[in-house]
Amino acid sequence: MWILLVSLAALRTAALPKVLNYIGAFSGVAGLITVVLPLEPVGAIFGIGLIVWFTWLGTVLLSDSQPKPTRAL
């Protein structure tokens, strides 16, 4: 649920790349499906999607290409 909400919030604010947000949203929905219905293929999509999402998110957050937030006076 957390991945889904973070991805949807980032889509609304354009804080992260769109494809990264779509991967997170898709993985979040797959994770919610596995809670309701224990389906192994959906669980695999959820797990692999999270690995991709966390790796890409870490790369984006650690890169210096993002503008640094400034304090307003």
N, C-alpha and C. Protein backbone atom coordinates (compact mmCIF):
# COMPACT_ATOMS: atom_id res chain seq x y z
N MET A 1 0.82 -1.18 0.00
CA MET A 1 0.00 0.00 0.00
C MET A 1 0.87 1.26 0.00
N TRP A 2 1.97 1.20 0.76
CA TRP A 2 2.85 2.36 0.87
C TRP A 2 3.46 2.71 -0.49
N ILE A 3 3.93 1.71 -1.21
CA ILE A 3 4.55 1.94 -2.53
C ILE A 3 3.52 2.56 -3.48
N LEU A 4 2.31 2.07 -3.45
CA LEU A 4 1.25 2.59 -4.30
C LEU A 4 0.98 4.06 -3.98
N LEU A 5 0.86 4.40 -2.71
CA LEU A 5 0.57 5.78 -2.32
C LEU A 5 1.73 6.73 -2.65
N VAL A 6 2.95 6.30 -2.42
CA VAL A 6 4.11 7.13 -2.76
C VAL A 6 4.16 7.37 -4.27
N SER A 7 3.91 6.34 -5.04
CA SER A 7 3.95 6.47 -6.50
C SER A 7 2.84 7.40 -7.01
N LEU A 8 1.66 7.29 -6.45
CA LEU A 8 0.57 8.17 -6.87
C LEU A 8 0.84 9.62 -6.48
N ALA A 9 1.39 9.84 -5.30
CA ALA A 9 1.73 11.20 -4.88
C ALA A 9 2.83 11.78 -5.77
N ALA A 10 3.82 10.97 -6.11
CA ALA A 10 4.90 11.44 -6.98
C ALA A 10 4.40 11.71 -8.39
N LEU A 11 3.41 10.97 -8.84
CA LEU A 11 2.81 11.25 -10.15
C LEU A 11 2.12 12.62 -10.15
N ARG A 12 1.42 12.92 -9.07
CA ARG A 12 0.70 14.19 -8.99
C ARG A 12 1.65 15.38 -8.92
N THR A 13 2.80 15.21 -8.26
CA THR A 13 3.73 16.33 -8.09
C THR A 13 4.85 16.34 -9.10
N ALA A 14 4.97 15.29 -9.89
CA ALA A 14 6.06 15.15 -10.88
C ALA A 14 7.42 15.21 -10.20
N ALA A 15 7.52 14.66 -8.99
CA ALA A 15 8.77 14.68 -8.24
C ALA A 15 9.74 13.59 -8.69
N LEU A 16 9.22 12.54 -9.28
CA LEU A 16 10.04 11.42 -9.74
C LEU A 16 9.70 11.13 -11.20
N PRO A 17 10.55 10.38 -11.90
CA PRO A 17 10.24 10.03 -13.30
C PRO A 17 8.92 9.27 -13.41
N LYS A 18 8.17 9.56 -14.47
CA LYS A 18 6.84 8.95 -14.64
C LYS A 18 6.89 7.43 -14.72
N VAL A 19 7.85 6.90 -15.45
CA VAL A 19 7.94 5.44 -15.59
C VAL A 19 8.19 4.79 -14.24
N LEU A 20 9.01 5.41 -13.41
CA LEU A 20 9.27 4.90 -12.07
C LEU A 20 7.98 4.89 -11.25
N ASN A 21 7.18 5.92 -11.37
CA ASN A 21 5.91 5.98 -10.66
C ASN A 21 4.93 4.92 -11.15
N TYR A 22 4.91 4.69 -12.45
CA TYR A 22 4.02 3.66 -12.99
C TYR A 22 4.44 2.26 -12.52
N ILE A 23 5.74 2.01 -12.47
CA ILE A 23 6.23 0.72 -11.96
C ILE A 23 5.81 0.56 -10.50
N GLY A 24 5.96 1.62 -9.71
CA GLY A 24 5.57 1.56 -8.31
C GLY A 24 4.08 1.35 -8.13
N ALA A 25 3.27 2.04 -8.93
CA ALA A 25 1.82 1.88 -8.84
C ALA A 25 1.41 0.47 -9.24
N PHE A 26 1.99 -0.04 -10.31
CA PHE A 26 1.67 -1.40 -10.77
C PHE A 26 2.09 -2.44 -9.72
N SER A 27 3.27 -2.25 -9.14
CA SER A 27 3.73 -3.17 -8.10
C SER A 27 2.87 -3.07 -6.86
N GLY A 28 2.46 -1.87 -6.51
CA GLY A 28 1.59 -1.69 -5.35
C GLY A 28 0.25 -2.38 -5.51
N VAL A 29 -0.33 -2.25 -6.69
CA VAL A 29 -1.60 -2.94 -6.97
C VAL A 29 -1.41 -4.45 -6.93
N ALA A 30 -0.30 -4.93 -7.49
CA ALA A 30 -0.02 -6.37 -7.46
C ALA A 30 0.14 -6.85 -6.02
N GLY A 31 0.77 -6.04 -5.17
CA GLY A 31 0.92 -6.40 -3.77
C GLY A 31 -0.41 -6.47 -3.05
N LEU A 32 -1.30 -5.54 -3.36
CA LEU A 32 -2.64 -5.58 -2.75
C LEU A 32 -3.42 -6.81 -3.21
N ILE A 33 -3.24 -7.19 -4.46
CA ILE A 33 -3.93 -8.38 -4.97
C ILE A 33 -3.43 -9.62 -4.24
N THR A 34 -2.14 -9.69 -3.95
CA THR A 34 -1.60 -10.87 -3.26
C THR A 34 -2.08 -10.97 -1.82
N VAL A 35 -2.50 -9.87 -1.23
CA VAL A 35 -3.07 -9.92 0.12
C VAL A 35 -4.45 -10.56 0.08
N VAL A 36 -5.22 -10.22 -0.94
CA VAL A 36 -6.59 -10.74 -1.06
C VAL A 36 -6.59 -12.14 -1.65
N LEU A 37 -5.87 -12.34 -2.73
CA LEU A 37 -5.82 -13.63 -3.41
C LEU A 37 -4.37 -14.10 -3.48
N PRO A 38 -4.05 -15.22 -2.86
CA PRO A 38 -2.65 -15.70 -2.90
C PRO A 38 -2.30 -16.30 -4.26
N LEU A 39 -1.97 -15.46 -5.21
CA LEU A 39 -1.60 -15.90 -6.56
C LEU A 39 -0.10 -15.78 -6.73
N GLU A 40 0.58 -16.88 -7.04
CA GLU A 40 2.04 -16.87 -7.15
C GLU A 40 2.56 -15.98 -8.28
N PRO A 41 1.97 -15.99 -9.47
CA PRO A 41 2.51 -15.11 -10.53
C PRO A 41 2.39 -13.63 -10.17
N VAL A 42 1.31 -13.25 -9.51
CA VAL A 42 1.15 -11.86 -9.11
C VAL A 42 2.15 -11.52 -8.01
N GLY A 43 2.42 -12.46 -7.13
CA GLY A 43 3.43 -12.27 -6.09
C GLY A 43 4.81 -12.08 -6.68
N ALA A 44 5.10 -12.79 -7.76
CA ALA A 44 6.40 -12.64 -8.43
C ALA A 44 6.51 -11.26 -9.07
N ILE A 45 5.43 -10.80 -9.69
CA ILE A 45 5.42 -9.47 -10.28
C ILE A 45 5.64 -8.42 -9.19
N PHE A 46 4.98 -8.61 -8.05
CA PHE A 46 5.13 -7.69 -6.92
C PHE A 46 6.58 -7.65 -6.44
N GLY A 47 7.19 -8.80 -6.25
CA GLY A 47 8.56 -8.86 -5.74
C GLY A 47 9.58 -8.27 -6.70
N ILE A 48 9.49 -8.65 -7.96
CA ILE A 48 10.43 -8.13 -8.96
C ILE A 48 10.20 -6.64 -9.18
N GLY A 49 8.94 -6.23 -9.18
CA GLY A 49 8.64 -4.80 -9.33
C GLY A 49 9.22 -3.98 -8.20
N LEU A 50 9.17 -4.49 -6.99
CA LEU A 50 9.73 -3.76 -5.85
C LEU A 50 11.25 -3.66 -5.94
N ILE A 51 11.89 -4.73 -6.38
CA ILE A 51 13.34 -4.68 -6.55
C ILE A 51 13.72 -3.60 -7.55
N VAL A 52 13.03 -3.57 -8.67
CA VAL A 52 13.30 -2.56 -9.70
C VAL A 52 12.99 -1.17 -9.16
N TRP A 53 11.84 -1.03 -8.48
CA TRP A 53 11.41 0.28 -7.98
C TRP A 53 12.39 0.83 -6.95
N PHE A 54 12.77 0.01 -5.96
CA PHE A 54 13.69 0.48 -4.92
C PHE A 54 15.08 0.81 -5.49
N THR A 55 15.56 0.00 -6.42
CA THR A 55 16.86 0.27 -7.03
C THR A 55 16.85 1.57 -7.81
N TRP A 56 15.83 1.75 -8.62
CA TRP A 56 15.73 2.97 -9.42
C TRP A 56 15.49 4.19 -8.52
N LEU A 57 14.66 4.06 -7.51
CA LEU A 57 14.40 5.16 -6.59
C LEU A 57 15.69 5.58 -5.88
N GLY A 58 16.47 4.62 -5.42
CA GLY A 58 17.73 4.93 -4.78
C GLY A 58 18.68 5.64 -5.71
N THR A 59 18.72 5.22 -6.96
CA THR A 59 19.58 5.87 -7.95
C THR A 59 19.14 7.31 -8.20
N VAL A 60 17.83 7.52 -8.30
CA VAL A 60 17.32 8.87 -8.53
C VAL A 60 17.60 9.76 -7.33
N LEU A 61 17.38 9.26 -6.14
CA LEU A 61 17.58 10.08 -4.95
C LEU A 61 19.06 10.38 -4.68
N LEU A 62 19.96 9.49 -5.07
CA LEU A 62 21.37 9.72 -4.85
C LEU A 62 22.05 10.51 -5.96
N SER A 63 21.39 10.67 -7.08
CA SER A 63 22.00 11.42 -8.19
C SER A 63 21.98 12.92 -7.88
N ASP A 64 22.95 13.61 -8.41
CA ASP A 64 23.04 15.05 -8.20
C ASP A 64 22.28 15.84 -9.25
N SER A 65 21.61 15.16 -10.17
CA SER A 65 20.90 15.87 -11.23
C SER A 65 19.61 16.49 -10.73
N GLN A 66 19.10 16.06 -9.59
CA GLN A 66 17.88 16.62 -9.01
C GLN A 66 18.21 17.97 -8.37
N PRO A 67 17.36 18.96 -8.54
CA PRO A 67 17.63 20.26 -7.89
C PRO A 67 17.47 20.14 -6.38
N LYS A 68 18.33 20.81 -5.68
CA LYS A 68 18.30 20.79 -4.22
C LYS A 68 17.22 21.76 -3.73
N PRO A 69 16.44 21.36 -2.73
CA PRO A 69 15.43 22.27 -2.19
C PRO A 69 16.11 23.43 -1.46
N THR A 70 15.54 24.60 -1.59
CA THR A 70 16.08 25.77 -0.90
C THR A 70 15.08 26.25 0.12
N ARG A 71 15.60 26.87 1.15
CA ARG A 71 14.74 27.41 2.20
C ARG A 71 14.25 28.79 1.79
N ALA A 72 12.97 29.00 1.95
CA ALA A 72 12.41 30.32 1.67
C ALA A 72 12.58 31.20 2.90
N LEU A 73 12.93 32.43 2.65
CA LEU A 73 13.13 33.37 3.76
C LEU A 73 11.86 34.09 4.10
